Amino acid sequence: MEQEIFLFEKNEFNQEVNQIRKDAKHIYNRLKSIIDDASFVMTVADLFPTLALVAYSAYFKSTDGHMHIWDFNIRRNNLHLIPLISQHHGCIIVDSTRKGKRIPDALSKTIPIWCCTINRAVHRIRPRKAWDIDFHSLPSVVSPSEHAQIESKIELLTDKLMQSGIDLISVSDQLKKPLRPIWYTPQSSHAADFEESPFWPVICLSASEAVENGYQSRPGYLYVQGSGDDQEAWSFGLTPTLFWNHQEYILSTKADCEERVRELVKEIGSDQNNSHSFAFIDPTTIAIGDSISPLFDVIINCSLEQKLASDSIDYLHLPIPEGKKGQQAFLASISKAIDFVRQPLLDKKKILIFCDTGKDHSVGIALSILVKYFNLDGKLQVKDNSRVDKKVIQHQLVRIISSWEKASPSRTTLKKVNMYFMSHSVS
């Protein structure tokens, strides 16, 4: 009898756990939780009305703050934030984390490493009295031992930044005060006045409330910590803009929520997603984008789908699939692209290189063209008279990232670029 009761209670418990997990993925609960998080973010933003509020324009990887991996990511250097910080004398960077943590590693370690590395690089370029070059971390999250280990690595990260080819003179001109990370969470938020501080605050704002097991029952819905994460798994293609523009309609009833989201994505989302973009790689005539555009003389399409192109446009289709199948196709495409653009570059034509995301393959092809035809100052140099090494490739990659924020080439893509030039490099 006791065994039967035990099995019944165990089965009942498992059913409850499964139901909670199911509810946690329900789009209604996710969206209601996001509204809660957004409300807290705006509360903190109201405490610092002069600071820039940053969410999607910054990309700090949590892995760069993981134990023994601590790094300053040259590819994701986020130096586009410096003018913003300079203009507003600080910023608020928003992130969230799922159950198990109060603050994500990106906020507790990656950003503090970023701040300290930049401060030291600026100090090397233009030494200043009372310029803070210390590493600052949150004692409740980072132990004294880990703090010391990270701090001991900052000089090496500063060396790497100084040697990257990034325009640090401009950064040093703009930073009148050193950067200092400050942390805010739903469990601890208070007003502060940084106007007279000897630093510019980089407020690391963890938007989600840390709740037991990551879920908390609230009137009418289940709060899910870190709801904004992994939106591909539950959003049905709903974009932030589409949600905020139609939130009342979407959330009017829980029962119809999913159906209404699918309806909006189908009717409006497709048009909204067609607002594509591109950016020129300064100072060249080459641009990277995420779709075809009629504004260019020459187009290289790195997506699988054959896009329409005008007869008056020089057009090259390089169908590069994702995953392992695409690795060899990408490597084989480098030579085709390099040969294709040689004359257009000499004729100073506007060239667009695009793929569906504008993040990986298009960036790899553009990087190969820059390495082949441009010197480190960005000047066209159509001669095979210089040896290519990894530093040259990295320098040109930094140029791309500085011009096109979406650029995020995979390690595999960069390895193929390295492989191509190592095998073709002139002795």
Protein backbone atom coordinates (compact mmCIF):
# COMPACT_ATOMS: atom_id res chain seq x y z
CA MET A 1 0.00 0.00 0.00
CA GLU A 2 2.80 2.43 0.94
CA GLN A 3 4.54 1.60 -2.33
CA GLU A 4 1.37 2.42 -4.28
CA ILE A 5 0.97 5.75 -2.43
CA PHE A 6 4.61 6.60 -3.12
CA LEU A 7 4.24 5.80 -6.83
CA PHE A 8 1.02 7.84 -7.02
CA GLU A 9 2.63 10.87 -5.36
CA LYS A 10 5.72 10.56 -7.55
CA ASN A 11 3.57 10.40 -10.68
CA GLU A 12 1.52 13.39 -9.50
CA PHE A 13 4.72 15.37 -8.82
CA ASN A 14 6.12 14.53 -12.25
CA GLN A 15 2.89 15.67 -13.87
CA GLU A 16 3.06 19.00 -12.03
CA VAL A 17 6.70 19.51 -13.06
CA ASN A 18 5.89 18.71 -16.69
CA GLN A 19 2.94 21.13 -16.61
CA ILE A 20 5.13 23.92 -15.20
CA ARG A 21 7.71 23.31 -17.92
CA LYS A 22 4.97 23.42 -20.53
CA ASP A 23 3.55 26.65 -19.07
CA ALA A 24 7.05 28.16 -18.98
CA LYS A 25 7.26 27.80 -22.76
CA HIS A 26 3.79 29.25 -23.37
CA ILE A 27 4.12 32.49 -25.30
CA TYR A 28 1.56 34.29 -23.12
CA ASN A 29 3.57 33.67 -19.95
CA ARG A 30 6.78 34.63 -21.69
CA LEU A 31 5.40 37.92 -22.98
CA LYS A 32 3.81 38.86 -19.65
CA SER A 33 7.17 38.18 -17.97
CA ILE A 34 8.96 40.36 -20.52
CA ILE A 35 6.57 43.21 -19.72
CA ASP A 36 7.46 42.83 -16.02
CA ASP A 37 11.19 42.94 -16.85
CA ALA A 38 10.71 45.93 -19.17
CA SER A 39 8.86 47.79 -16.43
CA PHE A 40 11.82 47.32 -14.08
CA VAL A 41 14.27 48.43 -16.77
CA MET A 42 12.32 51.66 -17.26
CA THR A 43 12.24 52.23 -13.50
CA VAL A 44 16.03 52.12 -13.38
CA ALA A 45 16.29 54.19 -16.57
CA ASP A 46 14.16 56.86 -14.87
CA LEU A 47 16.73 57.00 -12.06
CA PHE A 48 19.39 57.98 -14.62
CA PRO A 49 17.56 59.95 -17.31
CA THR A 50 20.75 61.34 -18.85
CA LEU A 51 22.43 57.96 -19.43
CA ALA A 52 22.08 56.10 -22.73
CA LEU A 53 19.95 52.95 -22.51
CA VAL A 54 21.54 50.10 -24.46
CA ALA A 55 20.15 46.66 -25.21
CA TYR A 56 20.35 45.38 -28.77
CA SER A 57 23.23 47.56 -29.98
CA ALA A 58 25.73 45.92 -27.64
CA TYR A 59 26.84 42.34 -27.78
CA PHE A 60 28.90 41.07 -24.87
CA LYS A 61 29.36 37.30 -24.83
CA SER A 62 28.90 35.56 -21.49
CA THR A 63 31.55 33.01 -22.51
CA ASP A 64 34.19 35.78 -22.45
CA GLY A 65 33.55 35.95 -18.71
CA HIS A 66 33.58 32.22 -17.99
CA MET A 67 36.09 30.77 -15.54
CA HIS A 68 39.62 30.64 -17.02
CA ILE A 69 38.35 31.88 -20.42
CA TRP A 70 38.26 35.59 -19.46
CA ASP A 71 38.80 37.58 -22.63
CA PHE A 72 38.44 40.88 -24.47
CA ASN A 73 36.73 39.95 -27.73
CA ILE A 74 38.42 41.79 -30.61
CA ARG A 75 35.75 40.63 -33.05
CA ARG A 76 33.00 41.83 -30.70
CA ASN A 77 34.83 44.87 -29.35
CA ASN A 78 31.65 46.98 -28.86
CA LEU A 79 33.64 50.17 -29.34
CA HIS A 80 30.64 51.62 -31.16
CA LEU A 81 29.38 52.31 -27.63
CA ILE A 82 32.21 54.74 -26.84
CA PRO A 83 30.73 57.75 -28.71
CA LEU A 84 27.39 57.05 -27.02
CA ILE A 85 29.00 56.84 -23.58
CA SER A 86 30.97 60.00 -24.28
CA GLN A 87 27.87 61.90 -25.33
CA HIS A 88 25.79 60.81 -22.32
CA HIS A 89 28.62 60.46 -19.78
CA GLY A 90 27.72 56.83 -19.17
CA CYS A 91 25.26 54.15 -20.22
CA ILE A 92 22.91 51.42 -19.00
CA ILE A 93 23.45 48.00 -20.58
CA VAL A 94 20.51 45.60 -20.19
CA ASP A 95 20.73 41.81 -20.09
CA SER A 96 18.85 38.99 -18.40
CA THR A 97 19.56 35.51 -17.11
CA ARG A 98 17.56 32.37 -16.57
CA LYS A 99 17.16 30.38 -13.35
CA GLY A 100 20.19 29.74 -11.22
CA LYS A 101 21.78 33.18 -11.47
CA ARG A 102 21.02 36.69 -10.30
CA ILE A 103 23.39 38.32 -12.79
CA PRO A 104 24.60 36.86 -16.13
CA ASP A 105 28.33 36.43 -16.69
CA ALA A 106 28.19 39.06 -19.44
CA LEU A 107 27.30 41.68 -16.82
CA SER A 108 29.34 40.39 -13.88
CA LYS A 109 32.61 39.68 -15.71
CA THR A 110 32.66 40.31 -19.49
CA ILE A 111 31.74 44.00 -19.23
CA PRO A 112 34.07 44.71 -16.27
CA ILE A 113 36.92 43.13 -18.29
CA TRP A 114 35.92 45.30 -21.27
CA CYS A 115 35.90 48.47 -19.16
CA CYS A 116 39.28 47.79 -17.55
CA THR A 117 40.98 46.79 -20.80
CA ILE A 118 39.80 49.96 -22.54
CA ASN A 119 40.83 52.11 -19.56
CA ARG A 120 44.35 50.67 -19.65
CA ALA A 121 44.67 51.02 -23.42
CA VAL A 122 43.62 54.68 -23.21
CA HIS A 123 46.06 55.25 -20.35
CA ARG A 124 48.90 53.79 -22.42
CA ILE A 125 48.12 56.13 -25.32
CA ARG A 126 47.63 59.23 -23.20
CA PRO A 127 48.78 58.75 -19.59
CA ARG A 128 46.71 60.84 -17.21
CA LYS A 129 46.91 61.50 -13.49
CA ALA A 130 44.35 59.71 -11.31
CA TRP A 131 43.18 57.63 -14.27
CA ASP A 132 41.58 54.45 -12.92
CA ILE A 133 43.19 51.30 -14.37
CA ASP A 134 42.00 48.91 -11.64
CA PHE A 135 39.76 45.93 -12.37
CA HIS A 136 36.36 46.31 -10.65
CA SER A 137 34.11 43.33 -9.98
CA LEU A 138 31.06 42.52 -7.86
CA PRO A 139 32.23 40.77 -4.64
CA SER A 140 28.94 38.90 -4.20
CA VAL A 141 29.46 37.20 -7.58
CA VAL A 142 33.22 37.17 -8.23
CA SER A 143 35.38 35.62 -5.51
CA PRO A 144 38.65 37.29 -4.44
CA SER A 145 40.56 34.44 -6.09
CA GLU A 146 38.79 34.81 -9.45
CA HIS A 147 39.09 38.60 -9.25
CA ALA A 148 42.87 38.30 -8.81
CA GLN A 149 43.17 35.83 -11.69
CA ILE A 150 41.19 38.08 -14.04
CA GLU A 151 43.16 41.17 -13.01
CA SER A 152 46.45 39.39 -13.71
CA LYS A 153 45.31 38.77 -17.28
CA ILE A 154 44.20 42.33 -18.12
CA GLU A 155 47.67 43.47 -19.27
CA LEU A 156 47.77 40.68 -21.86
CA LEU A 157 44.28 41.61 -23.05
CA THR A 158 45.39 45.24 -23.30
CA ASP A 159 48.38 44.15 -25.41
CA LYS A 160 46.01 42.26 -27.70
CA LEU A 161 43.75 45.30 -28.07
CA MET A 162 46.69 47.63 -28.75
CA GLN A 163 47.97 45.30 -31.50
CA SER A 164 44.57 44.73 -33.13
CA GLY A 165 44.62 47.66 -35.53
CA ILE A 166 41.58 49.27 -33.89
CA ASP A 167 41.57 53.08 -33.92
CA LEU A 168 42.31 53.64 -30.22
CA ILE A 169 43.43 57.25 -30.75
CA SER A 170 39.80 58.13 -31.44
CA VAL A 171 38.71 56.19 -28.34
CA SER A 172 41.24 58.01 -26.16
CA ASP A 173 40.05 61.37 -27.54
CA GLN A 174 36.46 60.61 -26.61
CA LEU A 175 36.94 59.09 -23.15
CA LYS A 176 37.38 62.04 -20.81
CA LYS A 177 36.85 59.79 -17.78
CA PRO A 178 37.60 56.08 -17.22
CA LEU A 179 34.76 53.54 -17.39
CA ARG A 180 33.43 51.91 -14.20
CA PRO A 181 30.91 49.03 -14.06
CA ILE A 182 28.00 49.47 -11.61
CA TRP A 183 25.45 46.70 -11.01
CA TYR A 184 21.67 46.84 -10.65
CA THR A 185 19.15 44.00 -10.23
CA PRO A 186 15.46 43.79 -9.19
CA GLN A 187 16.77 42.80 -5.75
CA SER A 188 18.96 45.87 -5.41
CA SER A 189 18.25 49.17 -7.10
CA HIS A 190 18.81 52.65 -5.73
CA ALA A 191 19.27 56.16 -7.02
CA ALA A 192 22.79 57.56 -7.32
CA ASP A 193 24.40 60.71 -8.65
CA PHE A 194 27.39 60.11 -10.92
CA GLU A 195 27.68 63.64 -12.27
CA GLU A 196 30.65 64.54 -10.07
CA SER A 197 32.20 61.06 -10.11
CA PRO A 198 35.77 60.61 -11.41
CA PHE A 199 34.44 57.97 -13.82
CA TRP A 200 31.64 57.40 -16.34
CA PRO A 201 29.29 54.63 -15.14
CA VAL A 202 28.55 51.57 -17.24
CA ILE A 203 25.48 50.34 -15.41
CA CYS A 204 25.08 46.58 -15.79
CA LEU A 205 21.34 46.04 -15.42
CA SER A 206 20.08 42.50 -14.92
CA ALA A 207 16.43 42.81 -15.94
CA SER A 208 14.95 39.51 -14.74
CA GLU A 209 14.03 38.86 -11.15
CA ALA A 210 15.80 35.85 -9.63
CA VAL A 211 13.01 33.51 -8.45
CA GLU A 212 13.18 30.00 -7.02
CA ASN A 213 13.47 27.34 -9.74
CA GLY A 214 13.17 30.13 -12.33
CA TYR A 215 9.34 30.26 -12.18
CA GLN A 216 6.87 32.12 -9.98
CA SER A 217 3.07 32.07 -10.03
CA ARG A 218 1.64 35.58 -10.40
CA PRO A 219 -1.96 36.76 -10.84
CA GLY A 220 -3.10 35.46 -14.22
CA TYR A 221 0.22 34.09 -15.45
CA LEU A 222 3.47 32.28 -14.65
CA TYR A 223 6.53 34.54 -14.35
CA VAL A 224 9.48 32.97 -16.19
CA GLN A 225 12.94 34.31 -15.31
CA GLY A 226 14.94 35.33 -18.38
CA SER A 227 11.95 35.06 -20.71
CA GLY A 228 13.62 37.00 -23.49
CA ASP A 229 16.27 34.30 -23.97
CA ASP A 230 16.00 31.71 -26.77
CA GLN A 231 13.04 33.48 -28.36
CA GLU A 232 13.34 31.25 -31.42
CA ALA A 233 11.97 28.37 -29.33
CA TRP A 234 8.69 30.06 -28.37
CA SER A 235 8.08 33.33 -30.27
CA PHE A 236 6.71 31.93 -33.58
CA GLY A 237 8.64 34.66 -35.41
CA LEU A 238 7.29 37.54 -33.30
CA THR A 239 9.70 40.49 -33.34
CA PRO A 240 10.10 43.04 -30.52
CA THR A 241 8.70 45.84 -32.69
CA LEU A 242 5.69 43.77 -33.70
CA PHE A 243 4.99 42.85 -30.06
CA TRP A 244 5.23 46.36 -28.59
CA ASN A 245 3.09 47.79 -31.41
CA HIS A 246 0.33 45.21 -30.84
CA GLN A 247 0.76 44.08 -27.23
CA GLU A 248 -2.81 44.85 -26.12
CA TYR A 249 -4.27 42.80 -28.97
CA ILE A 250 -1.80 39.94 -28.45
CA LEU A 251 -2.31 39.68 -24.68
CA SER A 252 -6.06 40.37 -24.48
CA THR A 253 -6.70 36.67 -23.78
CA LYS A 254 -4.33 33.85 -22.95
CA ALA A 255 -6.33 31.32 -24.97
CA ASP A 256 -6.00 33.30 -28.22
CA CYS A 257 -2.46 34.59 -27.67
CA GLU A 258 -0.60 32.08 -29.81
CA GLU A 259 -3.12 32.27 -32.65
CA ARG A 260 -2.99 36.08 -32.69
CA VAL A 261 0.82 36.08 -32.77
CA ARG A 262 0.87 33.68 -35.71
CA GLU A 263 -1.74 35.82 -37.49
CA LEU A 264 0.26 39.05 -37.00
CA VAL A 265 3.55 37.46 -38.05
CA LYS A 266 1.91 36.14 -41.20
CA GLU A 267 0.14 39.40 -42.11
CA ILE A 268 2.59 42.06 -40.91
CA GLY A 269 5.81 40.34 -39.89
CA SER A 270 6.81 39.35 -43.40
CA ASP A 271 6.60 42.97 -44.58
CA GLN A 272 8.37 44.18 -41.45
CA ASN A 273 11.19 41.71 -41.94
CA ASN A 274 11.79 43.02 -45.44
CA SER A 275 13.33 46.23 -44.11
CA HIS A 276 16.86 45.13 -44.91
CA SER A 277 20.01 47.08 -44.38
CA PHE A 278 23.63 47.38 -45.44
CA ALA A 279 26.72 49.35 -44.51
CA PHE A 280 29.83 50.38 -46.40
CA ILE A 281 33.18 49.23 -45.04
CA ASP A 282 34.98 52.50 -44.48
CA PRO A 283 36.80 53.79 -46.55
CA THR A 284 36.07 51.34 -49.39
CA THR A 285 33.26 51.05 -51.97
CA ILE A 286 32.37 47.61 -50.58
CA ALA A 287 29.21 47.12 -48.49
CA ILE A 288 27.85 44.18 -46.50
CA GLY A 289 24.12 43.59 -46.15
CA ASP A 290 21.40 41.06 -45.40
CA SER A 291 19.49 41.31 -48.71
CA ILE A 292 19.78 42.44 -52.31
CA SER A 293 19.59 46.17 -53.09
CA PRO A 294 19.22 48.02 -56.40
CA LEU A 295 21.56 50.78 -55.21
CA PHE A 296 24.73 48.91 -56.23
CA ASP A 297 26.67 48.36 -59.46
CA VAL A 298 27.96 44.94 -58.42
CA ILE A 299 26.28 42.30 -56.21
CA ILE A 300 27.58 39.07 -54.70
CA ASN A 301 24.84 36.86 -53.29
CA CYS A 302 26.08 34.34 -50.69
CA SER A 303 22.64 32.96 -49.80
CA LEU A 304 21.26 29.71 -51.18
CA GLU A 305 18.29 31.35 -52.86
CA GLN A 306 18.83 32.92 -56.26
CA LYS A 307 17.70 36.53 -55.81
CA LEU A 308 16.52 38.67 -58.69
CA ALA A 309 19.10 41.04 -60.15
CA SER A 310 18.88 43.65 -62.91
CA ASP A 311 20.62 43.01 -66.23
CA SER A 312 22.50 46.26 -65.70
CA ILE A 313 24.11 44.92 -62.50
CA ASP A 314 27.16 42.67 -62.41
CA TYR A 315 25.90 39.72 -60.39
CA LEU A 316 27.58 36.67 -58.84
CA HIS A 317 25.67 33.95 -57.01
CA LEU A 318 27.69 31.93 -54.47
CA PRO A 319 25.20 29.44 -52.95
CA ILE A 320 26.87 28.57 -49.64
CA PRO A 321 24.85 26.22 -47.42
CA GLU A 322 24.98 26.29 -43.63
CA GLY A 323 26.84 23.69 -41.57
CA LYS A 324 29.56 21.29 -42.71
CA LYS A 325 28.32 21.23 -46.31
CA GLY A 326 28.97 24.92 -46.56
CA GLN A 327 32.59 24.84 -45.40
CA GLN A 328 34.10 23.60 -48.64
CA ALA A 329 31.62 25.64 -50.70
CA PHE A 330 32.74 28.77 -48.85
CA LEU A 331 36.44 28.00 -49.39
CA ALA A 332 35.83 27.41 -53.10
CA SER A 333 33.88 30.70 -53.32
CA ILE A 334 36.75 32.89 -52.13
CA SER A 335 38.70 32.73 -55.40
CA LYS A 336 35.53 33.30 -57.46
CA ALA A 337 34.65 36.42 -55.48
CA ILE A 338 38.20 37.79 -55.57
CA ASP A 339 38.42 37.39 -59.35
CA PHE A 340 34.90 38.78 -59.86
CA VAL A 341 35.50 42.11 -58.08
CA ARG A 342 38.98 42.96 -59.34
CA GLN A 343 37.91 45.15 -62.28
CA PRO A 344 34.89 46.70 -60.49
CA LEU A 345 37.23 47.79 -57.69
CA LEU A 346 39.58 49.43 -60.20
CA ASP A 347 36.53 51.14 -61.75
CA LYS A 348 35.48 52.34 -58.26
CA LYS A 349 32.07 50.69 -58.54
CA LYS A 350 29.81 50.18 -55.52
CA ILE A 351 29.84 46.51 -54.49
CA LEU A 352 27.31 44.77 -52.22
CA ILE A 353 28.08 41.40 -50.63
CA PHE A 354 25.13 39.87 -48.83
CA CYS A 355 23.70 36.72 -47.25
CA ASP A 356 20.41 36.12 -45.45
CA THR A 357 21.74 37.21 -42.05
CA GLY A 358 24.59 39.52 -43.05
CA LYS A 359 26.61 37.92 -40.26
CA ASP A 360 28.77 35.06 -41.50
CA HIS A 361 29.38 34.04 -45.12
CA SER A 362 28.99 37.55 -46.56
CA VAL A 363 31.44 38.81 -43.95
CA GLY A 364 33.92 36.06 -44.81
CA ILE A 365 33.80 36.89 -48.51
CA ALA A 366 34.15 40.62 -47.84
CA LEU A 367 37.05 39.92 -45.50
CA SER A 368 38.81 37.89 -48.20
CA ILE A 369 38.41 40.73 -50.70
CA LEU A 370 39.76 43.31 -48.24
CA VAL A 371 42.77 41.15 -47.41
CA LYS A 372 43.49 40.57 -51.10
CA TYR A 373 43.06 44.08 -52.44
CA PHE A 374 43.43 46.62 -49.61
CA ASN A 375 46.30 47.64 -47.38
CA LEU A 376 45.99 48.24 -43.63
CA ASP A 377 44.99 51.88 -44.25
CA GLY A 378 42.05 50.79 -46.37
CA LYS A 379 43.62 51.91 -49.64
CA LEU A 380 43.14 49.88 -52.81
CA GLN A 381 46.31 48.02 -53.71
CA VAL A 382 45.71 45.49 -56.48
CA LYS A 383 49.14 43.87 -56.36
CA ASP A 384 50.41 40.52 -55.13
CA ASN A 385 53.41 41.98 -53.39
CA SER A 386 52.69 41.53 -49.70
CA ARG A 387 52.66 38.55 -47.42
CA VAL A 388 49.41 37.83 -45.57
CA ASP A 389 49.43 36.65 -41.97
CA LYS A 390 46.79 36.28 -39.25
CA LYS A 391 47.41 39.82 -37.98
CA VAL A 392 46.59 41.28 -41.40
CA ILE A 393 43.39 39.23 -41.53
CA GLN A 394 42.44 40.28 -38.01
CA HIS A 395 43.10 43.94 -38.83
CA GLN A 396 40.75 43.82 -41.81
CA LEU A 397 38.13 41.96 -39.76
CA VAL A 398 38.21 44.76 -37.20
CA ARG A 399 37.62 47.23 -40.05
CA ILE A 400 34.50 45.29 -41.06
CA ILE A 401 33.14 45.01 -37.52
CA SER A 402 33.68 48.73 -36.96
CA SER A 403 31.52 49.48 -40.01
CA TRP A 404 28.92 46.68 -39.80
CA GLU A 405 27.69 45.79 -36.31
CA LYS A 406 25.95 42.60 -37.45
CA ALA A 407 29.25 41.03 -38.48
CA SER A 408 29.75 37.81 -36.54
CA PRO A 409 31.68 35.32 -38.67
CA SER A 410 31.96 31.81 -37.30
CA ARG A 411 35.29 30.32 -36.29
CA THR A 412 34.97 27.92 -39.21
CA THR A 413 34.57 30.77 -41.69
CA LEU A 414 37.61 32.59 -40.31
CA LYS A 415 39.65 29.37 -40.40
CA LYS A 416 38.81 28.95 -44.09
CA VAL A 417 39.88 32.53 -44.81
CA ASN A 418 43.15 31.90 -42.97
CA MET A 419 43.61 28.61 -44.82
CA TYR A 420 43.07 30.25 -48.20
CA PHE A 421 45.60 33.03 -47.66
CA MET A 422 48.16 30.85 -45.93
CA SER A 423 48.19 28.61 -49.00
CA HIS A 424 48.21 31.55 -51.49
CA SER A 425 50.55 33.89 -49.63
CA VAL A 426 53.61 35.11 -51.53
CA SER A 427 56.93 34.30 -49.90
